[in-house]
Amino acid sequence: MAADNQNHDKAQDLAEEGLEKMIEGDRKEGEKLVEKARKLDSEAVAEVAQEVEEDRQQAEKFQK
């Protein structure tokens, strides 16, 4: 069980790092990191994507 949590945490970290790389303009490296995260734990990547979507929606509220 501890290994599952470690993989989950590592996958989240990799997905977040991948998004940062994409934001910085290094799309290829970002995609590699996200894919590596997906192989570790696709559910963790989905959680990061959900957080990003929630943040985007929150930001839209402030723009109106």
PDB file of N, CA and C in Angstrom:
ATOM      1  N   MET A   1       0.819  -1.200   0.000  1.00  0.00           N
ATOM      2  CA  MET A   1       0.000   0.000   0.000  1.00  0.00           C
ATOM      3  C   MET A   1       0.863   1.264   0.000  1.00  0.00           C
ATOM      4  N   ALA A   2       1.948   1.257   0.759  1.00  0.00           N
ATOM      5  CA  ALA A   2       2.833   2.419   0.802  1.00  0.00           C
ATOM      6  C   ALA A   2       3.435   2.696  -0.575  1.00  0.00           C
ATOM      7  N   ALA A   3       3.756   1.630  -1.307  1.00  0.00           N
ATOM      8  CA  ALA A   3       4.311   1.798  -2.651  1.00  0.00           C
ATOM      9  C   ALA A   3       3.287   2.460  -3.568  1.00  0.00           C
ATOM     10  N   ASP A   4       2.003   2.103  -3.404  1.00  0.00           N
ATOM     11  CA  ASP A   4       0.954   2.726  -4.208  1.00  0.00           C
ATOM     12  C   ASP A   4       0.878   4.221  -3.928  1.00  0.00           C
ATOM     13  N   ASN A   5       0.963   4.591  -2.652  1.00  0.00           N
ATOM     14  CA  ASN A   5       0.930   6.013  -2.294  1.00  0.00           C
ATOM     15  C   ASN A   5       2.146   6.738  -2.851  1.00  0.00           C
ATOM     16  N   GLN A   6       3.300   6.092  -2.803  1.00  0.00           N
ATOM     17  CA  GLN A   6       4.510   6.703  -3.347  1.00  0.00           C
ATOM     18  C   GLN A   6       4.372   6.914  -4.851  1.00  0.00           C
ATOM     19  N   ASN A   7       3.844   5.904  -5.557  1.00  0.00           N
ATOM     20  CA  ASN A   7       3.646   6.032  -7.000  1.00  0.00           C
ATOM     21  C   ASN A   7       2.647   7.146  -7.305  1.00  0.00           C
ATOM     22  N   HIS A   8       1.592   7.224  -6.507  1.00  0.00           N
ATOM     23  CA  HIS A   8       0.572   8.244  -6.697  1.00  0.00           C
ATOM     24  C   HIS A   8       1.189   9.636  -6.525  1.00  0.00           C
ATOM     25  N   ASP A   9       1.932   9.816  -5.445  1.00  0.00           N
ATOM     26  CA  ASP A   9       2.575  11.101  -5.178  1.00  0.00           C
ATOM     27  C   ASP A   9       3.589  11.448  -6.253  1.00  0.00           C
ATOM     28  N   LYS A  10       4.381  10.474  -6.658  1.00  0.00           N
ATOM     29  CA  LYS A  10       5.390  10.691  -7.697  1.00  0.00           C
ATOM     30  C   LYS A  10       4.714  11.062  -9.016  1.00  0.00           C
ATOM     31  N   ALA A  11       3.622  10.379  -9.335  1.00  0.00           N
ATOM     32  CA  ALA A  11       2.897  10.670 -10.573  1.00  0.00           C
ATOM     33  C   ALA A  11       2.326  12.087 -10.542  1.00  0.00           C
ATOM     34  N   GLN A  12       1.797  12.501  -9.406  1.00  0.00           N
ATOM     35  CA  GLN A  12       1.286  13.873  -9.296  1.00  0.00           C
ATOM     36  C   GLN A  12       2.414  14.881  -9.498  1.00  0.00           C
ATOM     37  N   ASP A  13       3.543  14.628  -8.863  1.00  0.00           N
ATOM     38  CA  ASP A  13       4.691  15.524  -9.000  1.00  0.00           C
ATOM     39  C   ASP A  13       5.155  15.610 -10.452  1.00  0.00           C
ATOM     40  N   LEU A  14       5.234  14.465 -11.107  1.00  0.00           N
ATOM     41  CA  LEU A  14       5.667  14.442 -12.507  1.00  0.00           C
ATOM     42  C   LEU A  14       4.679  15.183 -13.404  1.00  0.00           C
ATOM     43  N   ALA A  15       3.391  14.975 -13.165  1.00  0.00           N
ATOM     44  CA  ALA A  15       2.369  15.650 -13.970  1.00  0.00           C
ATOM     45  C   ALA A  15       2.457  17.166 -13.784  1.00  0.00           C
ATOM     46  N   GLU A  16       2.618  17.601 -12.553  1.00  0.00           N
ATOM     47  CA  GLU A  16       2.740  19.032 -12.281  1.00  0.00           C
ATOM     48  C   GLU A  16       4.003  19.606 -12.919  1.00  0.00           C
ATOM     49  N   GLU A  17       5.095  18.863 -12.828  1.00  0.00           N
ATOM     50  CA  GLU A  17       6.344  19.299 -13.460  1.00  0.00           C
ATOM     51  C   GLU A  17       6.181  19.377 -14.974  1.00  0.00           C
ATOM     52  N   GLY A  18       5.474  18.403 -15.527  1.00  0.00           N
ATOM     53  CA  GLY A  18       5.214  18.406 -16.963  1.00  0.00           C
ATOM     54  C   GLY A  18       4.415  19.617 -17.394  1.00  0.00           C
ATOM     55  N   LEU A  19       3.405  19.969 -16.615  1.00  0.00           N
ATOM     56  CA  LEU A  19       2.616  21.158 -16.932  1.00  0.00           C
ATOM     57  C   LEU A  19       3.472  22.417 -16.872  1.00  0.00           C
ATOM     58  N   GLU A  20       4.333  22.494 -15.878  1.00  0.00           N
ATOM     59  CA  GLU A  20       5.237  23.646 -15.762  1.00  0.00           C
ATOM     60  C   GLU A  20       6.136  23.756 -16.992  1.00  0.00           C
ATOM     61  N   LYS A  21       6.662  22.616 -17.435  1.00  0.00           N
ATOM     62  CA  LYS A  21       7.524  22.624 -18.630  1.00  0.00           C
ATOM     63  C   LYS A  21       6.750  23.144 -19.839  1.00  0.00           C
ATOM     64  N   MET A  22       5.489  22.702 -19.971  1.00  0.00           N
ATOM     65  CA  MET A  22       4.672  23.150 -21.095  1.00  0.00           C
ATOM     66  C   MET A  22       4.428  24.645 -21.016  1.00  0.00           C
ATOM     67  N   ILE A  23       4.153  25.140 -19.816  1.00  0.00           N
ATOM     68  CA  ILE A  23       3.930  26.575 -19.628  1.00  0.00           C
ATOM     69  C   ILE A  23       5.180  27.358 -20.000  1.00  0.00           C
ATOM     70  N   GLU A  24       6.339  26.795 -19.675  1.00  0.00           N
ATOM     71  CA  GLU A  24       7.619  27.446 -19.992  1.00  0.00           C
ATOM     72  C   GLU A  24       7.971  27.348 -21.475  1.00  0.00           C
ATOM     73  N   GLY A  25       7.186  26.581 -22.233  1.00  0.00           N
ATOM     74  CA  GLY A  25       7.412  26.482 -23.666  1.00  0.00           C
ATOM     75  C   GLY A  25       8.094  25.208 -24.119  1.00  0.00           C
ATOM     76  N   ASP A  26       8.411  24.320 -23.188  1.00  0.00           N
ATOM     77  CA  ASP A  26       9.065  23.055 -23.541  1.00  0.00           C
ATOM     78  C   ASP A  26       8.002  21.948 -23.590  1.00  0.00           C
ATOM     79  N   ARG A  27       7.193  22.020 -24.640  1.00  0.00           N
ATOM     80  CA  ARG A  27       6.057  21.093 -24.765  1.00  0.00           C
ATOM     81  C   ARG A  27       6.501  19.628 -24.837  1.00  0.00           C
ATOM     82  N   LYS A  28       7.572  19.377 -25.572  1.00  0.00           N
ATOM     83  CA  LYS A  28       8.045  17.998 -25.747  1.00  0.00           C
ATOM     84  C   LYS A  28       8.435  17.378 -24.403  1.00  0.00           C
ATOM     85  N   GLU A  29       9.210  18.091 -23.608  1.00  0.00           N
ATOM     86  CA  GLU A  29       9.619  17.582 -22.294  1.00  0.00           C
ATOM     87  C   GLU A  29       8.410  17.464 -21.365  1.00  0.00           C
ATOM     88  N   GLY A  30       7.513  18.428 -21.445  1.00  0.00           N
ATOM     89  CA  GLY A  30       6.305  18.392 -20.633  1.00  0.00           C
ATOM     90  C   GLY A  30       5.460  17.169 -20.935  1.00  0.00           C
ATOM     91  N   GLU A  31       5.296  16.872 -22.202  1.00  0.00           N
ATOM     92  CA  GLU A  31       4.511  15.703 -22.592  1.00  0.00           C
ATOM     93  C   GLU A  31       5.174  14.407 -22.131  1.00  0.00           C
ATOM     94  N   LYS A  32       6.501  14.369 -22.199  1.00  0.00           N
ATOM     95  CA  LYS A  32       7.225  13.183 -21.718  1.00  0.00           C
ATOM     96  C   LYS A  32       6.959  12.950 -20.233  1.00  0.00           C
ATOM     97  N   LEU A  33       7.036  14.020 -19.467  1.00  0.00           N
ATOM     98  CA  LEU A  33       6.822  13.900 -18.024  1.00  0.00           C
ATOM     99  C   LEU A  33       5.393  13.479 -17.700  1.00  0.00           C
ATOM    100  N   VAL A  34       4.426  14.056 -18.399  1.00  0.00           N
ATOM    101  CA  VAL A  34       3.029  13.687 -18.160  1.00  0.00           C
ATOM    102  C   VAL A  34       2.798  12.221 -18.541  1.00  0.00           C
ATOM    103  N   GLU A  35       3.383  11.785 -19.634  1.00  0.00           N
ATOM    104  CA  GLU A  35       3.230  10.385 -20.042  1.00  0.00           C
ATOM    105  C   GLU A  35       3.866   9.448 -19.020  1.00  0.00           C
ATOM    106  N   LYS A  36       5.031   9.823 -18.511  1.00  0.00           N
ATOM    107  CA  LYS A  36       5.687   9.023 -17.475  1.00  0.00           C
ATOM    108  C   LYS A  36       4.795   8.951 -16.231  1.00  0.00           C
ATOM    109  N   ALA A  37       4.188  10.081 -15.884  1.00  0.00           N
ATOM    110  CA  ALA A  37       3.268  10.114 -14.739  1.00  0.00           C
ATOM    111  C   ALA A  37       2.067   9.217 -14.987  1.00  0.00           C
ATOM    112  N   ARG A  38       1.529   9.266 -16.201  1.00  0.00           N
ATOM    113  CA  ARG A  38       0.353   8.469 -16.551  1.00  0.00           C
ATOM    114  C   ARG A  38       0.653   6.973 -16.414  1.00  0.00           C
ATOM    115  N   LYS A  39       1.863   6.568 -16.781  1.00  0.00           N
ATOM    116  CA  LYS A  39       2.239   5.154 -16.666  1.00  0.00           C
ATOM    117  C   LYS A  39       2.351   4.727 -15.204  1.00  0.00           C
ATOM    118  N   LEU A  40       2.777   5.652 -14.348  1.00  0.00           N
ATOM    119  CA  LEU A  40       2.873   5.343 -12.914  1.00  0.00           C
ATOM    120  C   LEU A  40       1.491   5.236 -12.276  1.00  0.00           C
ATOM    121  N   ASP A  41       0.642   6.248 -12.556  1.00  0.00           N
ATOM    122  CA  ASP A  41      -0.677   6.288 -11.918  1.00  0.00           C
ATOM    123  C   ASP A  41      -1.560   7.260 -12.689  1.00  0.00           C
ATOM    124  N   SER A  42      -2.360   6.734 -13.581  1.00  0.00           N
ATOM    125  CA  SER A  42      -3.199   7.598 -14.426  1.00  0.00           C
ATOM    126  C   SER A  42      -4.232   8.368 -13.603  1.00  0.00           C
ATOM    127  N   GLU A  43      -4.647   7.804 -12.489  1.00  0.00           N
ATOM    128  CA  GLU A  43      -5.615   8.486 -11.634  1.00  0.00           C
ATOM    129  C   GLU A  43      -5.012   9.772 -11.046  1.00  0.00           C
ATOM    130  N   ALA A  44      -3.743   9.734 -10.697  1.00  0.00           N
ATOM    131  CA  ALA A  44      -3.068  10.920 -10.163  1.00  0.00           C
ATOM    132  C   ALA A  44      -3.018  12.018 -11.217  1.00  0.00           C
ATOM    133  N   VAL A  45      -2.784  11.644 -12.461  1.00  0.00           N
ATOM    134  CA  VAL A  45      -2.745  12.624 -13.548  1.00  0.00           C
ATOM    135  C   VAL A  45      -4.133  13.236 -13.734  1.00  0.00           C
ATOM    136  N   ALA A  46      -5.165  12.416 -13.639  1.00  0.00           N
ATOM    137  CA  ALA A  46      -6.533  12.920 -13.749  1.00  0.00           C
ATOM    138  C   ALA A  46      -6.843  13.908 -12.621  1.00  0.00           C
ATOM    139  N   GLU A  47      -6.338  13.640 -11.437  1.00  0.00           N
ATOM    140  CA  GLU A  47      -6.549  14.553 -10.308  1.00  0.00           C
ATOM    141  C   GLU A  47      -5.890  15.902 -10.574  1.00  0.00           C
ATOM    142  N   VAL A  48      -4.675  15.872 -11.113  1.00  0.00           N
ATOM    143  CA  VAL A  48      -3.976  17.121 -11.424  1.00  0.00           C
ATOM    144  C   VAL A  48      -4.758  17.881 -12.497  1.00  0.00           C
ATOM    145  N   ALA A  49      -5.246  17.178 -13.502  1.00  0.00           N
ATOM    146  CA  ALA A  49      -6.029  17.818 -14.559  1.00  0.00           C
ATOM    147  C   ALA A  49      -7.294  18.455 -13.979  1.00  0.00           C
ATOM    148  N   GLN A  50      -7.939  17.778 -13.047  1.00  0.00           N
ATOM    149  CA  GLN A  50      -9.138  18.317 -12.410  1.00  0.00           C
ATOM    150  C   GLN A  50      -8.805  19.583 -11.619  1.00  0.00           C
ATOM    151  N   GLU A  51      -7.689  19.570 -10.905  1.00  0.00           N
ATOM    152  CA  GLU A  51      -7.267  20.754 -10.147  1.00  0.00           C
ATOM    153  C   GLU A  51      -7.007  21.933 -11.080  1.00  0.00           C
ATOM    154  N   VAL A  52      -6.370  21.666 -12.201  1.00  0.00           N
ATOM    155  CA  VAL A  52      -6.086  22.721 -13.171  1.00  0.00           C
ATOM    156  C   VAL A  52      -7.399  23.294 -13.713  1.00  0.00           C
ATOM    157  N   GLU A  53      -8.345  22.440 -14.014  1.00  0.00           N
ATOM    158  CA  GLU A  53      -9.647  22.883 -14.525  1.00  0.00           C
ATOM    159  C   GLU A  53     -10.376  23.726 -13.482  1.00  0.00           C
ATOM    160  N   GLU A  54     -10.337  23.310 -12.233  1.00  0.00           N
ATOM    161  CA  GLU A  54     -10.978  24.079 -11.169  1.00  0.00           C
ATOM    162  C   GLU A  54     -10.317  25.451 -11.020  1.00  0.00           C
ATOM    163  N   ASP A  55      -8.999  25.490 -11.109  1.00  0.00           N
ATOM    164  CA  ASP A  55      -8.276  26.763 -11.029  1.00  0.00           C
ATOM    165  C   ASP A  55      -8.654  27.672 -12.196  1.00  0.00           C
ATOM    166  N   ARG A  56      -8.786  27.086 -13.384  1.00  0.00           N
ATOM    167  CA  ARG A  56      -9.161  27.858 -14.569  1.00  0.00           C
ATOM    168  C   ARG A  56     -10.548  28.461 -14.396  1.00  0.00           C
ATOM    169  N   GLN A  57     -11.478  27.663 -13.897  1.00  0.00           N
ATOM    170  CA  GLN A  57     -12.832  28.150 -13.681  1.00  0.00           C
ATOM    171  C   GLN A  57     -12.863  29.262 -12.638  1.00  0.00           C
ATOM    172  N   GLN A  58     -12.079  29.109 -11.601  1.00  0.00           N
ATOM    173  CA  GLN A  58     -12.001  30.130 -10.563  1.00  0.00           C
ATOM    174  C   GLN A  58     -11.430  31.434 -11.126  1.00  0.00           C
ATOM    175  N   ALA A  59     -10.419  31.326 -11.955  1.00  0.00           N
ATOM    176  CA  ALA A  59      -9.811  32.507 -12.566  1.00  0.00           C
ATOM    177  C   ALA A  59     -10.797  33.217 -13.489  1.00  0.00           C
ATOM    178  N   GLU A  60     -11.616  32.456 -14.201  1.00  0.00           N
ATOM    179  CA  GLU A  60     -12.622  33.058 -15.082  1.00  0.00           C
ATOM    180  C   GLU A  60     -13.601  33.910 -14.297  1.00  0.00           C
ATOM    181  N   LYS A  61     -13.944  33.488 -13.096  1.00  0.00           N
ATOM    182  CA  LYS A  61     -14.890  34.253 -12.271  1.00  0.00           C
ATOM    183  C   LYS A  61     -14.345  35.631 -11.958  1.00  0.00           C
ATOM    184  N   PHE A  62     -13.036  35.731 -11.789  1.00  0.00           N
ATOM    185  CA  PHE A  62     -12.426  37.011 -11.457  1.00  0.00           C
ATOM    186  C   PHE A  62     -12.266  37.912 -12.668  1.00  0.00           C
ATOM    187  N   GLN A  63     -12.346  37.343 -13.855  1.00  0.00           N
ATOM    188  CA  GLN A  63     -12.190  38.133 -15.069  1.00  0.00           C
ATOM    189  C   GLN A  63     -13.499  38.782 -15.498  1.00  0.00           C
ATOM    190  N   LYS A  64     -14.604  38.319 -14.944  1.00  0.00           N
ATOM    191  CA  LYS A  64     -15.924  38.832 -15.357  1.00  0.00           C
ATOM    192  C   LYS A  64     -16.300  40.056 -14.578  1.00  0.00           C
TER     193      LYS A  64
END
